[in-house]
């Protein structure tokens, strides 16, 4: 995925988000027309509140990469490493019956959620890789 960061940084800058110091990343993500991402289920305490501005940029860049791909490409991407999460972090989360998946944002960061039809519902971010190591 790192080979795509340069081009997506330009795309990210073009969105206008980076140039708006008071912009809220969750509002930005909810209002952007993504083709395969939805942020309505993002849990506040596991979302953008965890991130500093550099981490926020990395997550937004990764979302742009994810959104630029079709599902076949996402599932086969070595960079995203999209796969099921098998740990217990979501046991009491209210997402019972959902197959929780994760994808790589960076070497250390992960994004968790579930897919319904062609939409990935983002639930939580991870920035220390402790949860992802367990599933």
N, C-alpha and C. Protein backbone atom coordinates (compact mmCIF):
# COMPACT_ATOMS: atom_id res chain seq x y z
N UNK A 1 0.81 -1.18 0.00
CA UNK A 1 0.00 0.00 0.00
C UNK A 1 0.86 1.25 0.00
N UNK A 2 2.05 1.19 0.56
CA UNK A 2 2.90 2.37 0.64
C UNK A 2 3.22 2.94 -0.74
N UNK A 3 3.21 2.09 -1.77
CA UNK A 3 3.52 2.59 -3.10
C UNK A 3 2.44 3.53 -3.62
N UNK A 4 1.26 3.52 -3.01
CA UNK A 4 0.17 4.38 -3.46
C UNK A 4 0.07 5.68 -2.66
N UNK A 5 0.80 5.81 -1.57
CA UNK A 5 0.61 6.95 -0.69
C UNK A 5 0.87 8.28 -1.37
N UNK A 6 1.88 8.37 -2.20
CA UNK A 6 2.17 9.63 -2.86
C UNK A 6 1.01 10.15 -3.67
N UNK A 7 0.43 9.31 -4.50
CA UNK A 7 -0.68 9.76 -5.33
C UNK A 7 -1.92 10.06 -4.50
N UNK A 8 -2.12 9.34 -3.42
CA UNK A 8 -3.30 9.58 -2.61
C UNK A 8 -3.13 10.77 -1.69
N UNK A 9 -1.91 11.15 -1.36
CA UNK A 9 -1.72 12.38 -0.62
C UNK A 9 -2.18 13.55 -1.47
N UNK A 10 -1.89 13.52 -2.76
CA UNK A 10 -2.37 14.57 -3.65
C UNK A 10 -3.89 14.57 -3.70
N UNK A 11 -4.48 13.39 -3.80
CA UNK A 11 -5.94 13.30 -3.83
C UNK A 11 -6.51 13.84 -2.53
N UNK A 12 -5.89 13.47 -1.41
CA UNK A 12 -6.35 13.92 -0.11
C UNK A 12 -6.28 15.44 -0.01
N UNK A 13 -5.17 16.01 -0.46
CA UNK A 13 -5.06 17.46 -0.43
C UNK A 13 -6.12 18.11 -1.30
N UNK A 14 -6.45 17.48 -2.41
CA UNK A 14 -7.47 18.02 -3.30
C UNK A 14 -8.86 18.03 -2.69
N UNK A 15 -9.09 17.20 -1.66
CA UNK A 15 -10.41 17.16 -1.05
C UNK A 15 -10.71 18.43 -0.29
N UNK A 16 -9.68 19.18 0.06
CA UNK A 16 -9.87 20.40 0.82
C UNK A 16 -9.83 20.19 2.32
N UNK A 17 -9.86 18.96 2.78
CA UNK A 17 -9.88 18.68 4.21
C UNK A 17 -8.61 19.17 4.89
N UNK A 18 -7.47 18.86 4.32
CA UNK A 18 -6.19 19.18 4.95
C UNK A 18 -6.00 20.68 5.10
N UNK A 19 -6.60 21.44 4.22
CA UNK A 19 -6.42 22.89 4.25
C UNK A 19 -7.44 23.61 5.14
N UNK A 20 -8.27 22.84 5.83
CA UNK A 20 -9.27 23.42 6.73
C UNK A 20 -8.92 23.03 8.16
N UNK A 21 -8.23 23.89 8.91
CA UNK A 21 -7.75 23.52 10.24
C UNK A 21 -8.86 23.17 11.23
N UNK A 22 -10.05 23.69 11.07
CA UNK A 22 -11.15 23.40 11.99
C UNK A 22 -12.06 22.28 11.50
N UNK A 23 -11.69 21.65 10.42
CA UNK A 23 -12.53 20.58 9.86
C UNK A 23 -12.55 19.38 10.79
N UNK A 24 -13.67 18.76 10.90
CA UNK A 24 -13.84 17.56 11.71
C UNK A 24 -13.78 16.35 10.78
N UNK A 25 -12.83 15.43 11.02
CA UNK A 25 -12.67 14.31 10.09
C UNK A 25 -13.90 13.42 9.98
N UNK A 26 -14.63 13.20 11.09
CA UNK A 26 -15.82 12.36 11.01
C UNK A 26 -16.90 13.02 10.16
N UNK A 27 -17.08 14.33 10.33
CA UNK A 27 -18.06 15.05 9.51
C UNK A 27 -17.65 14.96 8.04
N UNK A 28 -16.36 15.17 7.79
CA UNK A 28 -15.84 15.05 6.42
C UNK A 28 -16.17 13.67 5.84
N UNK A 29 -15.88 12.61 6.61
CA UNK A 29 -16.08 11.25 6.11
C UNK A 29 -17.55 10.92 5.92
N UNK A 30 -18.39 11.41 6.80
CA UNK A 30 -19.83 11.14 6.66
C UNK A 30 -20.43 11.89 5.48
N UNK A 31 -19.87 13.05 5.15
CA UNK A 31 -20.42 13.86 4.07
C UNK A 31 -19.82 13.57 2.70
N UNK A 32 -18.69 12.90 2.67
CA UNK A 32 -18.04 12.57 1.39
C UNK A 32 -18.82 11.44 0.72
N UNK A 33 -18.91 11.46 -0.56
CA UNK A 33 -19.61 10.41 -1.32
C UNK A 33 -18.65 9.26 -1.60
N UNK A 34 -18.54 8.34 -0.66
CA UNK A 34 -17.71 7.15 -0.83
C UNK A 34 -18.50 6.12 -1.63
N UNK A 35 -17.82 5.30 -2.41
CA UNK A 35 -18.51 4.27 -3.18
C UNK A 35 -18.68 2.97 -2.38
N UNK A 36 -17.80 2.73 -1.40
CA UNK A 36 -17.88 1.45 -0.69
C UNK A 36 -17.58 1.58 0.81
N UNK A 37 -17.65 2.78 1.36
CA UNK A 37 -17.41 3.01 2.79
C UNK A 37 -18.57 3.77 3.41
N UNK A 38 -18.86 3.45 4.68
CA UNK A 38 -19.88 4.16 5.41
C UNK A 38 -19.38 4.36 6.84
N UNK A 39 -19.52 5.56 7.37
CA UNK A 39 -18.99 5.90 8.69
C UNK A 39 -20.08 6.11 9.74
N UNK A 40 -21.32 5.78 9.44
CA UNK A 40 -22.42 5.99 10.37
C UNK A 40 -22.32 5.13 11.63
N UNK A 41 -21.60 4.02 11.57
CA UNK A 41 -21.48 3.10 12.71
C UNK A 41 -20.18 3.29 13.50
N UNK A 42 -19.34 4.23 13.10
CA UNK A 42 -18.05 4.43 13.76
C UNK A 42 -18.26 4.82 15.22
N UNK A 43 -17.67 4.02 16.11
CA UNK A 43 -17.80 4.26 17.55
C UNK A 43 -16.85 5.39 17.96
N UNK A 44 -17.41 6.42 18.56
CA UNK A 44 -16.66 7.65 18.84
C UNK A 44 -15.37 7.39 19.62
N UNK A 45 -15.42 6.57 20.65
CA UNK A 45 -14.21 6.39 21.47
C UNK A 45 -13.14 5.55 20.79
N UNK A 46 -13.48 4.90 19.67
CA UNK A 46 -12.51 4.12 18.91
C UNK A 46 -12.28 4.72 17.52
N UNK A 47 -12.68 5.97 17.33
CA UNK A 47 -12.60 6.59 16.01
C UNK A 47 -11.57 7.70 15.95
N UNK A 48 -11.93 8.78 15.30
CA UNK A 48 -11.00 9.88 15.05
C UNK A 48 -10.49 10.53 16.33
N UNK A 49 -11.22 10.38 17.45
CA UNK A 49 -10.77 10.95 18.72
C UNK A 49 -9.45 10.36 19.18
N UNK A 50 -9.11 9.16 18.71
CA UNK A 50 -7.84 8.52 19.07
C UNK A 50 -6.64 9.10 18.32
N UNK A 51 -6.91 9.78 17.22
CA UNK A 51 -5.86 10.11 16.26
C UNK A 51 -5.35 11.53 16.37
N UNK A 52 -4.06 11.69 16.14
CA UNK A 52 -3.52 13.03 15.95
C UNK A 52 -3.67 13.38 14.47
N UNK A 53 -3.21 14.56 14.07
CA UNK A 53 -3.44 15.00 12.69
C UNK A 53 -2.68 14.15 11.67
N UNK A 54 -1.50 13.68 12.01
CA UNK A 54 -0.75 12.83 11.08
C UNK A 54 -1.46 11.48 10.90
N UNK A 55 -1.91 10.90 12.00
CA UNK A 55 -2.65 9.64 11.93
C UNK A 55 -3.95 9.81 11.16
N UNK A 56 -4.63 10.92 11.40
CA UNK A 56 -5.88 11.20 10.66
C UNK A 56 -5.60 11.22 9.16
N UNK A 57 -4.53 11.88 8.75
CA UNK A 57 -4.17 11.90 7.33
C UNK A 57 -3.93 10.50 6.80
N UNK A 58 -3.24 9.66 7.58
CA UNK A 58 -2.99 8.29 7.14
C UNK A 58 -4.28 7.51 6.97
N UNK A 59 -5.21 7.65 7.90
CA UNK A 59 -6.49 6.95 7.79
C UNK A 59 -7.28 7.46 6.58
N UNK A 60 -7.35 8.77 6.41
CA UNK A 60 -8.09 9.33 5.26
C UNK A 60 -7.46 8.87 3.95
N UNK A 61 -6.13 8.88 3.88
CA UNK A 61 -5.46 8.40 2.67
C UNK A 61 -5.79 6.93 2.40
N UNK A 62 -5.81 6.13 3.45
CA UNK A 62 -6.14 4.72 3.30
C UNK A 62 -7.59 4.55 2.84
N UNK A 63 -8.50 5.37 3.38
CA UNK A 63 -9.90 5.30 2.94
C UNK A 63 -10.02 5.66 1.47
N UNK A 64 -9.24 6.63 1.02
CA UNK A 64 -9.25 6.98 -0.40
C UNK A 64 -8.75 5.82 -1.25
N UNK A 65 -7.72 5.13 -0.78
CA UNK A 65 -7.22 3.95 -1.50
C UNK A 65 -8.29 2.88 -1.55
N UNK A 66 -8.86 2.56 -0.41
CA UNK A 66 -9.91 1.54 -0.31
C UNK A 66 -11.07 1.88 -1.25
N UNK A 67 -11.47 3.13 -1.22
CA UNK A 67 -12.62 3.57 -2.01
C UNK A 67 -12.35 3.56 -3.51
N UNK A 68 -11.09 3.63 -3.90
CA UNK A 68 -10.76 3.64 -5.33
C UNK A 68 -10.74 2.23 -5.93
N UNK A 69 -10.91 1.21 -5.09
CA UNK A 69 -10.80 -0.18 -5.54
C UNK A 69 -12.17 -0.84 -5.58
N UNK A 70 -12.30 -1.86 -6.44
CA UNK A 70 -13.51 -2.67 -6.40
C UNK A 70 -13.30 -3.79 -5.38
N UNK A 71 -14.37 -4.53 -5.07
CA UNK A 71 -14.28 -5.53 -4.00
C UNK A 71 -13.34 -6.68 -4.34
N UNK A 72 -13.24 -7.05 -5.56
CA UNK A 72 -12.30 -8.09 -5.96
C UNK A 72 -10.87 -7.65 -5.66
N UNK A 73 -10.56 -6.40 -6.01
CA UNK A 73 -9.22 -5.85 -5.76
C UNK A 73 -8.95 -5.71 -4.26
N UNK A 74 -9.95 -5.26 -3.51
CA UNK A 74 -9.80 -5.12 -2.06
C UNK A 74 -9.47 -6.47 -1.43
N UNK A 75 -10.23 -7.48 -1.79
CA UNK A 75 -10.04 -8.81 -1.20
C UNK A 75 -8.71 -9.44 -1.57
N UNK A 76 -8.13 -9.05 -2.70
CA UNK A 76 -6.86 -9.61 -3.14
C UNK A 76 -5.66 -8.73 -2.83
N UNK A 77 -5.90 -7.54 -2.31
CA UNK A 77 -4.83 -6.58 -2.08
C UNK A 77 -3.88 -7.05 -0.97
N UNK A 78 -2.61 -7.13 -1.31
CA UNK A 78 -1.59 -7.46 -0.32
C UNK A 78 -1.39 -6.27 0.61
N UNK A 79 -1.49 -5.06 0.09
CA UNK A 79 -1.29 -3.85 0.89
C UNK A 79 -2.38 -3.65 1.93
N UNK A 80 -3.63 -3.85 1.56
CA UNK A 80 -4.73 -3.67 2.51
C UNK A 80 -4.84 -4.84 3.48
N UNK A 81 -4.52 -6.01 3.01
CA UNK A 81 -4.62 -7.23 3.83
C UNK A 81 -6.01 -7.32 4.49
N UNK A 82 -7.05 -7.14 3.67
CA UNK A 82 -8.44 -7.21 4.12
C UNK A 82 -8.77 -8.65 4.49
N UNK A 83 -9.20 -8.87 5.74
CA UNK A 83 -9.47 -10.24 6.18
C UNK A 83 -10.36 -10.24 7.42
N UNK A 84 -10.92 -11.41 7.76
CA UNK A 84 -11.77 -11.50 8.95
C UNK A 84 -10.97 -11.26 10.23
N UNK A 85 -11.64 -10.66 11.20
CA UNK A 85 -11.08 -10.50 12.53
C UNK A 85 -11.67 -11.61 13.40
N UNK A 86 -10.84 -12.36 14.08
CA UNK A 86 -11.32 -13.53 14.83
C UNK A 86 -11.22 -13.37 16.34
N UNK A 87 -10.83 -12.20 16.82
CA UNK A 87 -10.71 -11.98 18.26
C UNK A 87 -12.05 -11.67 18.91
N UNK A 88 -11.99 -11.23 20.16
CA UNK A 88 -13.21 -11.00 20.93
C UNK A 88 -13.49 -9.52 21.23
N UNK A 89 -12.83 -8.60 20.57
CA UNK A 89 -12.98 -7.17 20.82
C UNK A 89 -14.41 -6.67 20.59
N UNK A 90 -15.17 -7.35 19.78
CA UNK A 90 -16.51 -6.90 19.42
C UNK A 90 -17.62 -7.71 20.09
N UNK A 91 -17.27 -8.60 21.01
CA UNK A 91 -18.27 -9.49 21.62
C UNK A 91 -19.45 -8.76 22.24
N UNK A 92 -19.23 -7.65 22.89
CA UNK A 92 -20.30 -6.90 23.55
C UNK A 92 -20.58 -5.56 22.87
N UNK A 93 -20.39 -5.52 21.57
CA UNK A 93 -20.47 -4.24 20.86
C UNK A 93 -21.81 -3.95 20.21
N UNK A 94 -22.73 -4.90 20.22
CA UNK A 94 -23.99 -4.67 19.54
C UNK A 94 -23.95 -5.03 18.06
N UNK A 95 -22.89 -5.68 17.63
CA UNK A 95 -22.77 -6.09 16.23
C UNK A 95 -22.82 -7.60 16.10
N UNK A 96 -23.60 -8.21 16.97
CA UNK A 96 -23.74 -9.66 16.97
C UNK A 96 -24.27 -10.13 15.61
N UNK A 97 -23.70 -11.18 15.13
CA UNK A 97 -24.12 -11.73 13.84
C UNK A 97 -23.40 -11.13 12.65
N UNK A 98 -22.63 -10.09 12.87
CA UNK A 98 -21.86 -9.48 11.79
C UNK A 98 -20.50 -10.15 11.71
N UNK A 99 -20.01 -10.35 10.51
CA UNK A 99 -18.66 -10.86 10.31
C UNK A 99 -17.73 -9.65 10.29
N UNK A 100 -16.98 -9.50 11.36
CA UNK A 100 -16.09 -8.35 11.49
C UNK A 100 -14.84 -8.60 10.65
N UNK A 101 -14.49 -7.60 9.87
CA UNK A 101 -13.29 -7.66 9.03
C UNK A 101 -12.37 -6.50 9.43
N UNK A 102 -11.15 -6.58 8.97
CA UNK A 102 -10.18 -5.51 9.22
C UNK A 102 -9.35 -5.30 7.98
N UNK A 103 -8.81 -4.10 7.85
CA UNK A 103 -7.83 -3.86 6.79
C UNK A 103 -6.73 -2.96 7.32
N UNK A 104 -5.60 -3.08 6.68
CA UNK A 104 -4.39 -2.36 7.07
C UNK A 104 -4.45 -0.93 6.57
N UNK A 105 -4.22 -0.01 7.49
CA UNK A 105 -4.09 1.40 7.16
C UNK A 105 -2.61 1.73 7.01
N UNK A 106 -1.80 1.14 7.89
CA UNK A 106 -0.34 1.28 7.84
C UNK A 106 0.24 0.01 8.46
N UNK A 107 1.52 -0.01 8.62
CA UNK A 107 2.15 -1.19 9.23
C UNK A 107 1.56 -1.47 10.62
N UNK A 108 1.19 -0.41 11.33
CA UNK A 108 0.71 -0.55 12.70
C UNK A 108 -0.80 -0.32 12.87
N UNK A 109 -1.42 0.48 12.02
CA UNK A 109 -2.81 0.89 12.18
C UNK A 109 -3.76 -0.03 11.41
N UNK A 110 -4.95 -0.24 11.99
CA UNK A 110 -5.98 -1.07 11.35
C UNK A 110 -7.33 -0.37 11.45
N UNK A 111 -8.19 -0.73 10.51
CA UNK A 111 -9.58 -0.28 10.50
C UNK A 111 -10.46 -1.52 10.55
N UNK A 112 -11.44 -1.53 11.46
CA UNK A 112 -12.34 -2.66 11.64
C UNK A 112 -13.75 -2.27 11.25
N UNK A 113 -14.49 -3.23 10.73
CA UNK A 113 -15.88 -2.99 10.37
C UNK A 113 -16.49 -4.25 9.81
N UNK A 114 -17.60 -4.09 9.13
CA UNK A 114 -18.25 -5.24 8.49
C UNK A 114 -18.80 -4.81 7.14
N UNK A 115 -18.97 -5.79 6.29
CA UNK A 115 -19.46 -5.53 4.94
C UNK A 115 -20.89 -6.04 4.81
N UNK A 116 -21.73 -5.19 4.25
CA UNK A 116 -23.07 -5.59 3.84
C UNK A 116 -23.21 -5.20 2.38
N UNK A 117 -23.49 -6.18 1.55
CA UNK A 117 -23.55 -6.03 0.11
C UNK A 117 -22.21 -5.43 -0.35
N UNK A 118 -22.20 -4.21 -0.84
CA UNK A 118 -20.95 -3.61 -1.33
C UNK A 118 -20.48 -2.42 -0.49
N UNK A 119 -20.94 -2.36 0.75
CA UNK A 119 -20.54 -1.26 1.64
C UNK A 119 -19.83 -1.83 2.86
N UNK A 120 -18.69 -1.22 3.19
CA UNK A 120 -17.95 -1.56 4.40
C UNK A 120 -18.31 -0.52 5.46
N UNK A 121 -18.94 -0.98 6.54
CA UNK A 121 -19.34 -0.11 7.64
C UNK A 121 -18.19 -0.04 8.65
N UNK A 122 -17.57 1.11 8.73
CA UNK A 122 -16.43 1.31 9.61
C UNK A 122 -16.93 1.39 11.05
N UNK A 123 -16.30 0.58 11.93
CA UNK A 123 -16.68 0.54 13.34
C UNK A 123 -15.65 1.12 14.27
N UNK A 124 -14.39 0.72 14.08
CA UNK A 124 -13.34 1.11 15.02
C UNK A 124 -11.99 1.22 14.32
N UNK A 125 -11.13 2.05 14.90
CA UNK A 125 -9.74 2.15 14.47
C UNK A 125 -8.85 1.55 15.55
N UNK A 126 -7.71 1.08 15.14
CA UNK A 126 -6.70 0.60 16.07
C UNK A 126 -5.37 1.23 15.69
N UNK A 127 -4.66 1.77 16.69
CA UNK A 127 -3.40 2.44 16.39
C UNK A 127 -2.19 1.82 17.09
N UNK A 128 -2.42 0.78 17.89
CA UNK A 128 -1.28 0.16 18.58
C UNK A 128 -1.05 -1.30 18.19
N UNK A 129 -1.90 -1.85 17.37
CA UNK A 129 -1.78 -3.21 16.84
C UNK A 129 -1.90 -4.30 17.91
N UNK A 130 -2.34 -3.97 19.10
CA UNK A 130 -2.50 -4.98 20.16
C UNK A 130 -3.72 -5.84 19.94
N UNK A 131 -4.80 -5.28 19.46
CA UNK A 131 -6.03 -6.03 19.21
C UNK A 131 -5.86 -6.90 17.97
N UNK A 132 -5.30 -6.34 16.94
CA UNK A 132 -5.14 -7.05 15.67
C UNK A 132 -4.23 -8.27 15.82
N UNK A 133 -3.28 -8.21 16.73
CA UNK A 133 -2.40 -9.36 16.97
C UNK A 133 -3.16 -10.55 17.52
N UNK A 134 -4.31 -10.30 18.13
CA UNK A 134 -5.10 -11.38 18.74
C UNK A 134 -6.19 -11.90 17.81
N UNK A 135 -6.22 -11.47 16.62
CA UNK A 135 -7.26 -11.96 15.72
C UNK A 135 -7.12 -11.38 14.37
